[in-house]
Amino acid sequence: MNAYESACHYFANAASVMDLSPNMKKLLLTPEREVKVQVAMKMDNGEIATFVGYRIQHNSARGPMKGGLRFHHDVDADEVLALASLMTWKTAVVDIPYGGAKGGISVSPKSLSDAELELMTRKFVDELQDVIGPDKDIPAPDMGTNAQVMAWIVNQYEKYHGFNPACVTGKPLELHGADGREEATGRGVGLLTEAMLQKFDRPLTDTTIAIQGFGNVGSFAAAYLHDHGARVVAISDISGARFDSAGINIPAALQHVSRNGSLDGFDAEQQISNEELLTLDVDVLIPAALGGVLTKENAADVRARYVVEAANGPVLPDADTILHQRDIVVLPDILANAGGVTVSYFEWVQNQQYFRWDLERTRAELAKTLIVSFEKMWAIATEKHIPLRSAGYLMGIGRVGRATVLAGI
């Protein structure tokens, strides 16, 4: 089952509970626009290279479309479509006035020099500038992209359209980015993990946590949870996983990665594999790296009682069924990692108003938005006796569906 098939599976489950008509299902699943472009450029060595780029704009019923831009060698049309549809439901779940989109280029960024990366980004914008913008489709950072890439995008876009900081989010502060945007996704994961555990009368101070992935999302989630008293016993990145039964020294791990670029060489009680981390005997497992890491082959071996999807699609549908049968609570990606798009919305609002919030206000607004959405999701799941994922899709599909019907075709 590929990424889009997984997304359709979860949509279909919720649609059956809602008793959506076949016509409405087709309308809500079909993307409004699919763009595939050739990005041709001269490399540093003088050779001509051609990359394939995508931007899929899924739904605009509730507002301009919003979604990340990823540079990764596995990017393809199916993955981008799956993530674009997820963004439609995700923005509706947190009730911000956006639709869903996603984009990317099939490339390994580490294979490019900084000059080549910049040129590729600008060429990509040249191809997309007429279909994106602050009132159409607003890109943001994703896997393989960052604030610097967003800075190149806004600069190139403004060559066509004049001063337009709201055309993209996740920008550096110097180019009208939002204070708190970089930490937003990981901080949201921490906030929601805490909120979920409170439903089971579990304080963070009495909780062990394993986090697969120590990039932007995983590291900020780890920092939040560590600072609020949780015992983070395992973290990992491409160099493997580190385990410490007494708890990882998260500030030291952050300093090590800042100096060395990865966890390689970081001292811990035990070094294990990323796969072993997934089956540790902990209270909470947080997959914060790639999608599809929990499958029907390893779901039965998961010993955590709670799984928080910090990554997009880390639990495949077959695995999700197994976890549900085993009474393992899964906080789905449709809300768990929505902190990033929420603060992207705050950044867009500030850019539109030419007014900047301070970090304290951003954090307060983020917490309020996520907790209100979580409480609504929890109430639906409890009332209808369905998993949190199904409740989230009911929220998202319901809001998009109602907006579509009210506006008319």
Protein backbone atom coordinates (compact mmCIF):
# COMPACT_ATOMS: atom_id res chain seq x y z
CA MET A 1 0.00 0.00 0.00
CA ASN A 2 1.61 3.26 -1.14
CA ALA A 3 1.25 6.61 0.62
CA TYR A 4 -1.81 7.71 -1.34
CA GLU A 5 -3.55 4.37 -0.87
CA SER A 6 -2.97 4.70 2.88
CA ALA A 7 -4.46 8.20 2.86
CA CYS A 8 -7.50 6.95 0.92
CA HIS A 9 -7.90 4.07 3.39
CA TYR A 10 -8.18 6.42 6.36
CA PHE A 11 -10.51 8.73 4.40
CA ALA A 12 -12.74 5.80 3.47
CA ASN A 13 -13.00 4.64 7.08
CA ALA A 14 -14.20 8.06 8.19
CA ALA A 15 -16.45 8.53 5.16
CA SER A 16 -18.25 5.27 5.97
CA VAL A 17 -18.97 6.48 9.51
CA MET A 18 -20.25 9.79 8.07
CA ASP A 19 -22.26 8.04 5.34
CA LEU A 20 -20.90 10.36 2.63
CA SER A 21 -22.42 10.01 -0.82
CA PRO A 22 -20.21 8.62 -3.63
CA ASN A 23 -20.26 12.01 -5.36
CA MET A 24 -19.08 13.83 -2.23
CA LYS A 25 -16.34 11.26 -1.67
CA LYS A 26 -15.06 11.76 -5.21
CA LEU A 27 -15.25 15.54 -4.89
CA LEU A 28 -13.29 15.63 -1.63
CA LEU A 29 -10.66 13.12 -2.77
CA THR A 30 -9.91 14.58 -6.21
CA PRO A 31 -7.18 17.27 -6.21
CA GLU A 32 -7.99 20.61 -7.79
CA ARG A 33 -4.66 20.90 -9.61
CA GLU A 34 -1.60 18.72 -10.16
CA VAL A 35 1.53 20.43 -11.43
CA LYS A 36 4.60 18.53 -12.63
CA VAL A 37 7.53 20.58 -13.89
CA GLN A 38 10.99 20.10 -15.32
CA VAL A 39 13.72 21.91 -13.40
CA ALA A 40 16.71 22.11 -15.74
CA MET A 41 19.92 23.83 -14.65
CA LYS A 42 23.65 24.05 -15.18
CA MET A 43 25.62 22.36 -12.40
CA ASP A 44 28.87 23.68 -10.95
CA ASN A 45 30.87 21.38 -13.25
CA GLY A 46 29.14 22.74 -16.36
CA GLU A 47 26.89 19.73 -16.96
CA ILE A 48 23.14 20.12 -17.47
CA ALA A 49 20.96 18.37 -14.88
CA THR A 50 17.21 17.88 -14.96
CA PHE A 51 15.10 17.39 -11.84
CA VAL A 52 11.37 16.68 -11.61
CA GLY A 53 9.30 18.92 -9.34
CA TYR A 54 5.71 18.63 -8.14
CA ARG A 55 3.06 20.85 -6.59
CA ILE A 56 -0.33 19.29 -5.91
CA GLN A 57 -3.11 21.60 -4.78
CA HIS A 58 -5.73 19.40 -3.22
CA ASN A 59 -8.54 21.57 -1.89
CA SER A 60 -9.30 25.28 -1.40
CA ALA A 61 -12.83 25.06 0.05
CA ARG A 62 -11.75 26.66 3.35
CA GLY A 63 -9.10 29.07 2.10
CA PRO A 64 -5.79 29.32 0.23
CA MET A 65 -3.91 26.06 0.08
CA LYS A 66 -1.06 25.35 2.47
CA GLY A 67 1.62 22.70 2.53
CA GLY A 68 5.30 21.97 2.80
CA LEU A 69 7.93 21.67 0.12
CA ARG A 70 10.31 18.71 0.43
CA PHE A 71 13.58 18.00 -1.37
CA HIS A 72 14.14 14.25 -1.13
CA HIS A 73 15.13 11.48 -3.52
CA ASP A 74 11.94 9.52 -2.75
CA VAL A 75 9.56 12.33 -3.72
CA ASP A 76 7.01 11.20 -6.30
CA ALA A 77 3.47 12.10 -7.38
CA ASP A 78 1.77 9.53 -5.12
CA GLU A 79 3.60 10.71 -2.00
CA VAL A 80 2.92 14.37 -2.76
CA LEU A 81 -0.78 13.71 -3.41
CA ALA A 82 -1.11 11.76 -0.16
CA LEU A 83 0.50 14.56 1.83
CA ALA A 84 -1.53 17.25 0.06
CA SER A 85 -4.78 15.50 1.00
CA LEU A 86 -3.56 15.09 4.58
CA MET A 87 -2.94 18.85 4.73
CA THR A 88 -6.56 19.49 3.70
CA TRP A 89 -7.85 17.54 6.69
CA LYS A 90 -5.09 18.74 9.03
CA THR A 91 -5.77 22.45 8.50
CA ALA A 92 -9.48 21.76 9.03
CA VAL A 93 -8.83 19.80 12.24
CA VAL A 94 -7.02 22.77 13.80
CA ASP A 95 -9.65 25.06 12.25
CA ILE A 96 -7.39 27.48 10.41
CA PRO A 97 -8.60 29.04 7.13
CA TYR A 98 -6.55 26.96 4.71
CA GLY A 99 -6.88 24.12 2.27
CA GLY A 100 -4.25 21.50 1.53
CA ALA A 101 -1.29 21.35 -0.84
CA LYS A 102 2.15 19.77 -0.97
CA GLY A 103 5.16 19.91 -3.22
CA GLY A 104 8.67 18.70 -3.72
CA ILE A 105 11.57 17.89 -5.98
CA SER A 106 13.00 14.43 -6.44
CA VAL A 107 16.59 15.14 -5.40
CA SER A 108 19.02 14.44 -2.59
CA PRO A 109 19.92 17.93 -1.27
CA LYS A 110 23.24 16.70 0.13
CA SER A 111 24.35 15.85 -3.42
CA LEU A 112 24.15 19.55 -4.35
CA SER A 113 26.44 22.44 -3.50
CA ASP A 114 24.85 25.47 -1.82
CA ALA A 115 24.98 27.32 -5.14
CA GLU A 116 23.28 24.43 -6.96
CA LEU A 117 20.61 24.15 -4.27
CA GLU A 118 19.84 27.85 -4.54
CA LEU A 119 19.69 27.76 -8.35
CA MET A 120 17.41 24.70 -8.33
CA THR A 121 15.08 26.39 -5.82
CA ARG A 122 14.87 29.57 -7.88
CA LYS A 123 14.24 27.63 -11.10
CA PHE A 124 11.44 25.75 -9.34
CA VAL A 125 9.84 29.03 -8.28
CA ASP A 126 10.07 30.27 -11.86
CA GLU A 127 7.89 27.35 -12.90
CA LEU A 128 5.38 27.74 -10.04
CA GLN A 129 5.16 31.48 -9.38
CA ASP A 130 1.89 31.91 -11.26
CA VAL A 131 0.03 29.21 -9.25
CA ILE A 132 1.33 29.99 -5.75
CA GLY A 133 1.03 33.12 -3.62
CA PRO A 134 -0.39 34.50 -0.37
CA ASP A 135 -4.00 34.10 -1.48
CA LYS A 136 -3.53 30.94 -3.59
CA ASP A 137 -1.04 28.46 -2.18
CA ILE A 138 1.58 29.13 0.50
CA PRO A 139 4.58 26.73 0.67
CA ALA A 140 6.57 26.04 3.85
CA PRO A 141 9.63 23.99 4.92
CA ASP A 142 9.48 20.21 4.95
CA MET A 143 11.96 17.38 4.70
CA GLY A 144 15.18 18.59 3.06
CA THR A 145 14.21 22.27 3.12
CA ASN A 146 14.63 24.98 5.74
CA ALA A 147 14.42 28.71 6.42
CA GLN A 148 17.22 29.42 3.95
CA VAL A 149 15.33 27.68 1.14
CA MET A 150 12.22 29.67 2.06
CA ALA A 151 14.30 32.87 1.87
CA TRP A 152 15.32 32.03 -1.71
CA ILE A 153 11.69 31.27 -2.58
CA VAL A 154 10.32 34.56 -1.26
CA ASN A 155 13.10 36.51 -2.96
CA GLN A 156 12.49 34.83 -6.32
CA TYR A 157 8.72 35.16 -6.02
CA GLU A 158 9.02 38.87 -5.24
CA LYS A 159 10.94 39.43 -8.48
CA TYR A 160 7.65 38.67 -10.24
CA HIS A 161 5.10 40.03 -7.77
CA GLY A 162 6.78 42.69 -5.63
CA PHE A 163 6.98 42.70 -1.83
CA ASN A 164 5.04 39.62 -0.69
CA PRO A 165 6.37 38.12 2.55
CA ALA A 166 3.13 36.15 3.04
CA CYS A 167 3.80 34.08 -0.11
CA VAL A 168 5.72 31.52 1.98
CA THR A 169 6.13 30.68 5.66
CA GLY A 170 9.01 29.30 7.69
CA LYS A 171 11.19 32.23 6.64
CA PRO A 172 14.14 33.61 8.64
CA LEU A 173 13.19 36.27 11.17
CA GLU A 174 15.16 38.81 9.14
CA LEU A 175 12.77 38.24 6.23
CA HIS A 176 9.59 38.53 8.32
CA GLY A 177 9.44 34.99 9.67
CA ALA A 178 7.64 34.17 12.91
CA ASP A 179 9.41 33.81 16.22
CA GLY A 180 8.64 30.24 17.32
CA ARG A 181 8.08 28.74 13.86
CA GLU A 182 11.19 26.54 13.93
CA GLU A 183 10.19 24.88 17.21
CA ALA A 184 6.47 24.75 16.47
CA THR A 185 5.99 21.19 15.20
CA GLY A 186 8.12 19.57 17.89
CA ARG A 187 6.70 21.77 20.63
CA GLY A 188 3.20 20.85 19.47
CA VAL A 189 4.10 17.15 19.69
CA GLY A 190 5.19 17.71 23.29
CA LEU A 191 2.08 19.71 24.21
CA LEU A 192 -0.25 17.09 22.74
CA THR A 193 1.62 14.16 24.27
CA GLU A 194 1.15 15.81 27.66
CA ALA A 195 -2.55 16.49 26.97
CA MET A 196 -3.15 12.87 25.91
CA LEU A 197 -1.42 11.45 28.98
CA GLN A 198 -3.52 13.67 31.23
CA LYS A 199 -6.61 11.84 29.95
CA PHE A 200 -5.16 8.70 31.52
CA ASP A 201 -4.01 10.46 34.72
CA ARG A 202 -0.39 9.96 33.67
CA PRO A 203 1.93 12.86 34.61
CA LEU A 204 4.93 13.47 32.37
CA THR A 205 7.18 13.06 35.40
CA ASP A 206 6.15 9.40 35.59
CA THR A 207 6.57 8.67 31.87
CA THR A 208 9.28 7.06 29.75
CA ILE A 209 9.55 8.10 26.11
CA ALA A 210 11.42 6.87 23.02
CA ILE A 211 11.77 9.19 20.01
CA GLN A 212 12.77 7.89 16.61
CA GLY A 213 14.25 10.84 14.75
CA PHE A 214 16.26 13.71 16.23
CA GLY A 215 15.91 16.26 13.47
CA ASN A 216 13.91 19.46 13.76
CA VAL A 217 10.71 17.82 15.01
CA GLY A 218 12.20 15.11 17.20
CA SER A 219 14.74 17.38 18.86
CA PHE A 220 12.25 20.09 19.81
CA ALA A 221 9.78 17.46 21.02
CA ALA A 222 12.52 15.88 23.12
CA ALA A 223 13.51 19.25 24.56
CA TYR A 224 9.92 20.11 25.52
CA LEU A 225 9.25 16.73 27.12
CA HIS A 226 12.60 16.69 28.95
CA ASP A 227 12.04 20.23 30.26
CA HIS A 228 8.59 19.22 31.55
CA GLY A 229 9.88 16.25 33.53
CA ALA A 230 9.52 13.25 31.20
CA ARG A 231 12.27 10.64 31.01
CA VAL A 232 13.35 10.43 27.38
CA VAL A 233 15.23 7.12 27.37
CA ALA A 234 15.96 6.79 23.65
CA ILE A 235 16.62 9.05 20.66
CA SER A 236 17.92 8.29 17.18
CA ASP A 237 19.00 9.62 13.80
CA ILE A 238 20.74 8.21 10.71
CA SER A 239 23.71 7.17 12.86
CA GLY A 240 21.52 4.84 14.94
CA ALA A 241 19.76 5.05 18.30
CA ARG A 242 21.00 5.82 21.81
CA PHE A 243 19.37 4.30 24.88
CA ASP A 244 19.82 5.24 28.53
CA SER A 245 17.53 3.73 31.17
CA ALA A 246 18.10 6.71 33.47
CA GLY A 247 17.14 9.13 30.71
CA ILE A 248 19.11 10.77 27.91
CA ASN A 249 20.74 14.09 28.73
CA ILE A 250 18.77 15.98 26.06
CA PRO A 251 20.58 19.35 26.39
CA ALA A 252 23.90 17.51 25.95
CA ALA A 253 22.53 15.61 22.94
CA LEU A 254 21.37 18.86 21.35
CA GLN A 255 24.80 20.41 21.86
CA HIS A 256 26.48 17.33 20.39
CA VAL A 257 24.31 17.43 17.25
CA SER A 258 24.88 21.17 16.90
CA ARG A 259 28.65 20.62 16.95
CA ASN A 260 28.86 17.38 14.96
CA GLY A 261 25.80 17.30 12.73
CA SER A 262 24.47 13.98 14.08
CA LEU A 263 24.35 11.76 17.18
CA ASP A 264 27.37 9.82 15.94
CA GLY A 265 29.81 9.63 18.86
CA PHE A 266 27.28 10.72 21.49
CA ASP A 267 27.91 8.82 24.71
CA ALA A 268 24.97 6.84 26.13
CA GLU A 269 24.36 3.68 28.10
CA GLN A 270 23.73 1.61 24.97
CA GLN A 271 23.70 1.99 21.21
CA ILE A 272 20.82 0.22 19.44
CA SER A 273 19.28 0.26 15.98
CA ASN A 274 16.41 2.46 14.86
CA GLU A 275 14.32 -0.70 14.51
CA GLU A 276 15.06 -1.78 18.09
CA LEU A 277 14.00 1.63 19.37
CA LEU A 278 10.49 1.04 17.99
CA THR A 279 9.99 -1.99 20.23
CA LEU A 280 11.45 -0.66 23.50
CA ASP A 281 9.47 -1.16 26.70
CA VAL A 282 8.45 2.48 27.19
CA ASP A 283 5.23 4.35 27.91
CA VAL A 284 5.26 6.54 24.79
CA LEU A 285 6.76 5.91 21.35
CA ILE A 286 7.16 8.96 19.09
CA PRO A 287 8.09 8.19 15.46
CA ALA A 288 9.47 11.55 14.27
CA ALA A 289 11.42 10.55 11.18
CA LEU A 290 10.16 8.94 7.96
CA GLY A 291 6.72 7.52 7.20
CA GLY A 292 5.89 3.84 7.14
CA VAL A 293 8.13 2.71 10.00
CA LEU A 294 5.44 0.77 11.85
CA THR A 295 4.16 -2.06 9.65
CA LYS A 296 2.19 -5.26 10.02
CA GLU A 297 5.54 -7.03 10.48
CA ASN A 298 6.61 -5.10 13.60
CA ALA A 299 3.37 -3.67 15.05
CA ALA A 300 2.85 -6.74 17.24
CA ASP A 301 6.27 -6.12 18.81
CA VAL A 302 5.53 -2.55 19.92
CA ARG A 303 5.52 -2.41 23.72
CA ALA A 304 4.65 1.25 24.21
CA ARG A 305 1.12 1.98 25.42
CA TYR A 306 0.86 5.21 23.45
CA VAL A 307 2.14 6.16 19.98
CA VAL A 308 2.37 9.81 18.91
CA GLU A 309 2.78 10.33 15.16
CA ALA A 310 5.23 13.22 14.94
CA ALA A 311 6.14 12.19 11.38
CA ASN A 312 3.67 12.03 8.50
CA GLY A 313 2.25 8.54 8.07
CA PRO A 314 4.64 6.57 10.31
CA VAL A 315 1.96 3.94 11.06
CA LEU A 316 0.73 2.02 8.03
CA PRO A 317 -2.96 0.99 7.93
CA ASP A 318 -2.29 -2.70 8.68
CA ALA A 319 -0.14 -1.70 11.65
CA ASP A 320 -2.78 0.79 12.79
CA THR A 321 -5.33 -2.03 12.93
CA ILE A 322 -2.97 -4.22 14.97
CA LEU A 323 -2.21 -1.41 17.43
CA HIS A 324 -5.92 -0.69 17.87
CA GLN A 325 -6.64 -4.37 18.52
CA ARG A 326 -3.93 -4.32 21.18
CA ASP A 327 -5.49 -1.23 22.85
CA ILE A 328 -2.47 0.93 22.05
CA VAL A 329 -3.60 4.55 21.76
CA VAL A 330 -2.36 6.33 18.62
CA LEU A 331 -2.39 10.12 18.48
CA PRO A 332 -2.54 10.62 14.70
CA ASP A 333 -0.38 12.84 12.53
CA ILE A 334 -3.45 14.77 11.40
CA LEU A 335 -3.22 16.59 14.74
CA ALA A 336 0.02 15.46 16.42
CA ASN A 337 2.32 17.33 14.03
CA ALA A 338 -0.04 20.19 13.20
CA GLY A 339 1.94 22.67 15.30
CA GLY A 340 4.03 23.61 12.28
CA VAL A 341 1.14 24.57 10.02
CA THR A 342 -0.56 26.34 12.92
CA VAL A 343 2.38 28.67 13.52
CA SER A 344 2.80 29.00 9.75
CA TYR A 345 -0.73 30.40 9.83
CA PHE A 346 0.31 32.81 12.58
CA GLU A 347 3.29 33.90 10.44
CA TRP A 348 1.00 34.44 7.43
CA VAL A 349 -1.39 36.51 9.56
CA GLN A 350 1.48 38.67 10.83
CA ASN A 351 2.80 39.18 7.28
CA GLN A 352 -0.66 40.18 6.06
CA GLN A 353 -0.99 42.68 8.91
CA TYR A 354 2.67 43.86 8.80
CA PHE A 355 2.81 43.23 12.53
CA ARG A 356 5.00 40.85 14.53
CA TRP A 357 4.06 38.85 17.63
CA ASP A 358 6.53 37.99 20.36
CA LEU A 359 7.49 34.40 21.21
CA GLU A 360 5.30 34.32 24.32
CA ARG A 361 2.17 35.16 22.29
CA THR A 362 3.03 32.62 19.60
CA ARG A 363 3.47 29.85 22.16
CA ALA A 364 0.26 30.76 23.97
CA GLU A 365 -1.79 30.84 20.74
CA LEU A 366 -0.25 27.55 19.61
CA ALA A 367 -1.13 25.82 22.87
CA LYS A 368 -4.69 27.15 22.81
CA THR A 369 -5.30 26.10 19.20
CA LEU A 370 -3.89 22.59 19.61
CA ILE A 371 -5.56 21.83 22.94
CA VAL A 372 -8.99 23.01 21.74
CA SER A 373 -8.63 20.73 18.70
CA PHE A 374 -7.44 17.81 20.84
CA GLU A 375 -10.36 18.16 23.25
CA LYS A 376 -12.80 18.16 20.32
CA MET A 377 -11.12 15.07 18.81
CA TRP A 378 -11.13 13.28 22.17
CA ALA A 379 -14.82 14.06 22.71
CA ILE A 380 -15.78 12.66 19.28
CA ALA A 381 -13.68 9.52 19.80
CA THR A 382 -15.22 8.95 23.23
CA GLU A 383 -18.80 9.59 22.12
CA LYS A 384 -18.62 7.39 19.02
CA HIS A 385 -16.25 4.75 20.46
CA ILE A 386 -13.80 5.15 17.59
CA PRO A 387 -10.00 5.64 17.45
CA LEU A 388 -8.57 9.15 17.64
CA ARG A 389 -7.50 8.92 13.99
CA SER A 390 -11.06 8.28 12.84
CA ALA A 391 -12.29 11.13 15.04
CA GLY A 392 -9.71 13.46 13.49
CA TYR A 393 -10.77 12.55 9.98
CA LEU A 394 -14.42 13.05 10.94
CA MET A 395 -13.54 16.57 12.12
CA GLY A 396 -11.51 17.45 9.05
CA ILE A 397 -13.78 15.91 6.42
CA GLY A 398 -16.85 17.32 8.12
CA ARG A 399 -15.54 20.88 8.10
CA VAL A 400 -14.32 20.72 4.51
CA GLY A 401 -17.52 19.04 3.36
CA ARG A 402 -19.74 21.63 5.02
CA ALA A 403 -17.70 24.49 3.56
CA THR A 404 -17.99 22.93 0.11
CA VAL A 405 -21.76 22.49 0.33
CA LEU A 406 -22.38 25.97 1.77
CA ALA A 407 -20.26 27.71 -0.88
CA GLY A 408 -21.78 25.70 -3.73
CA ILE A 409 -20.17 24.29 -6.85
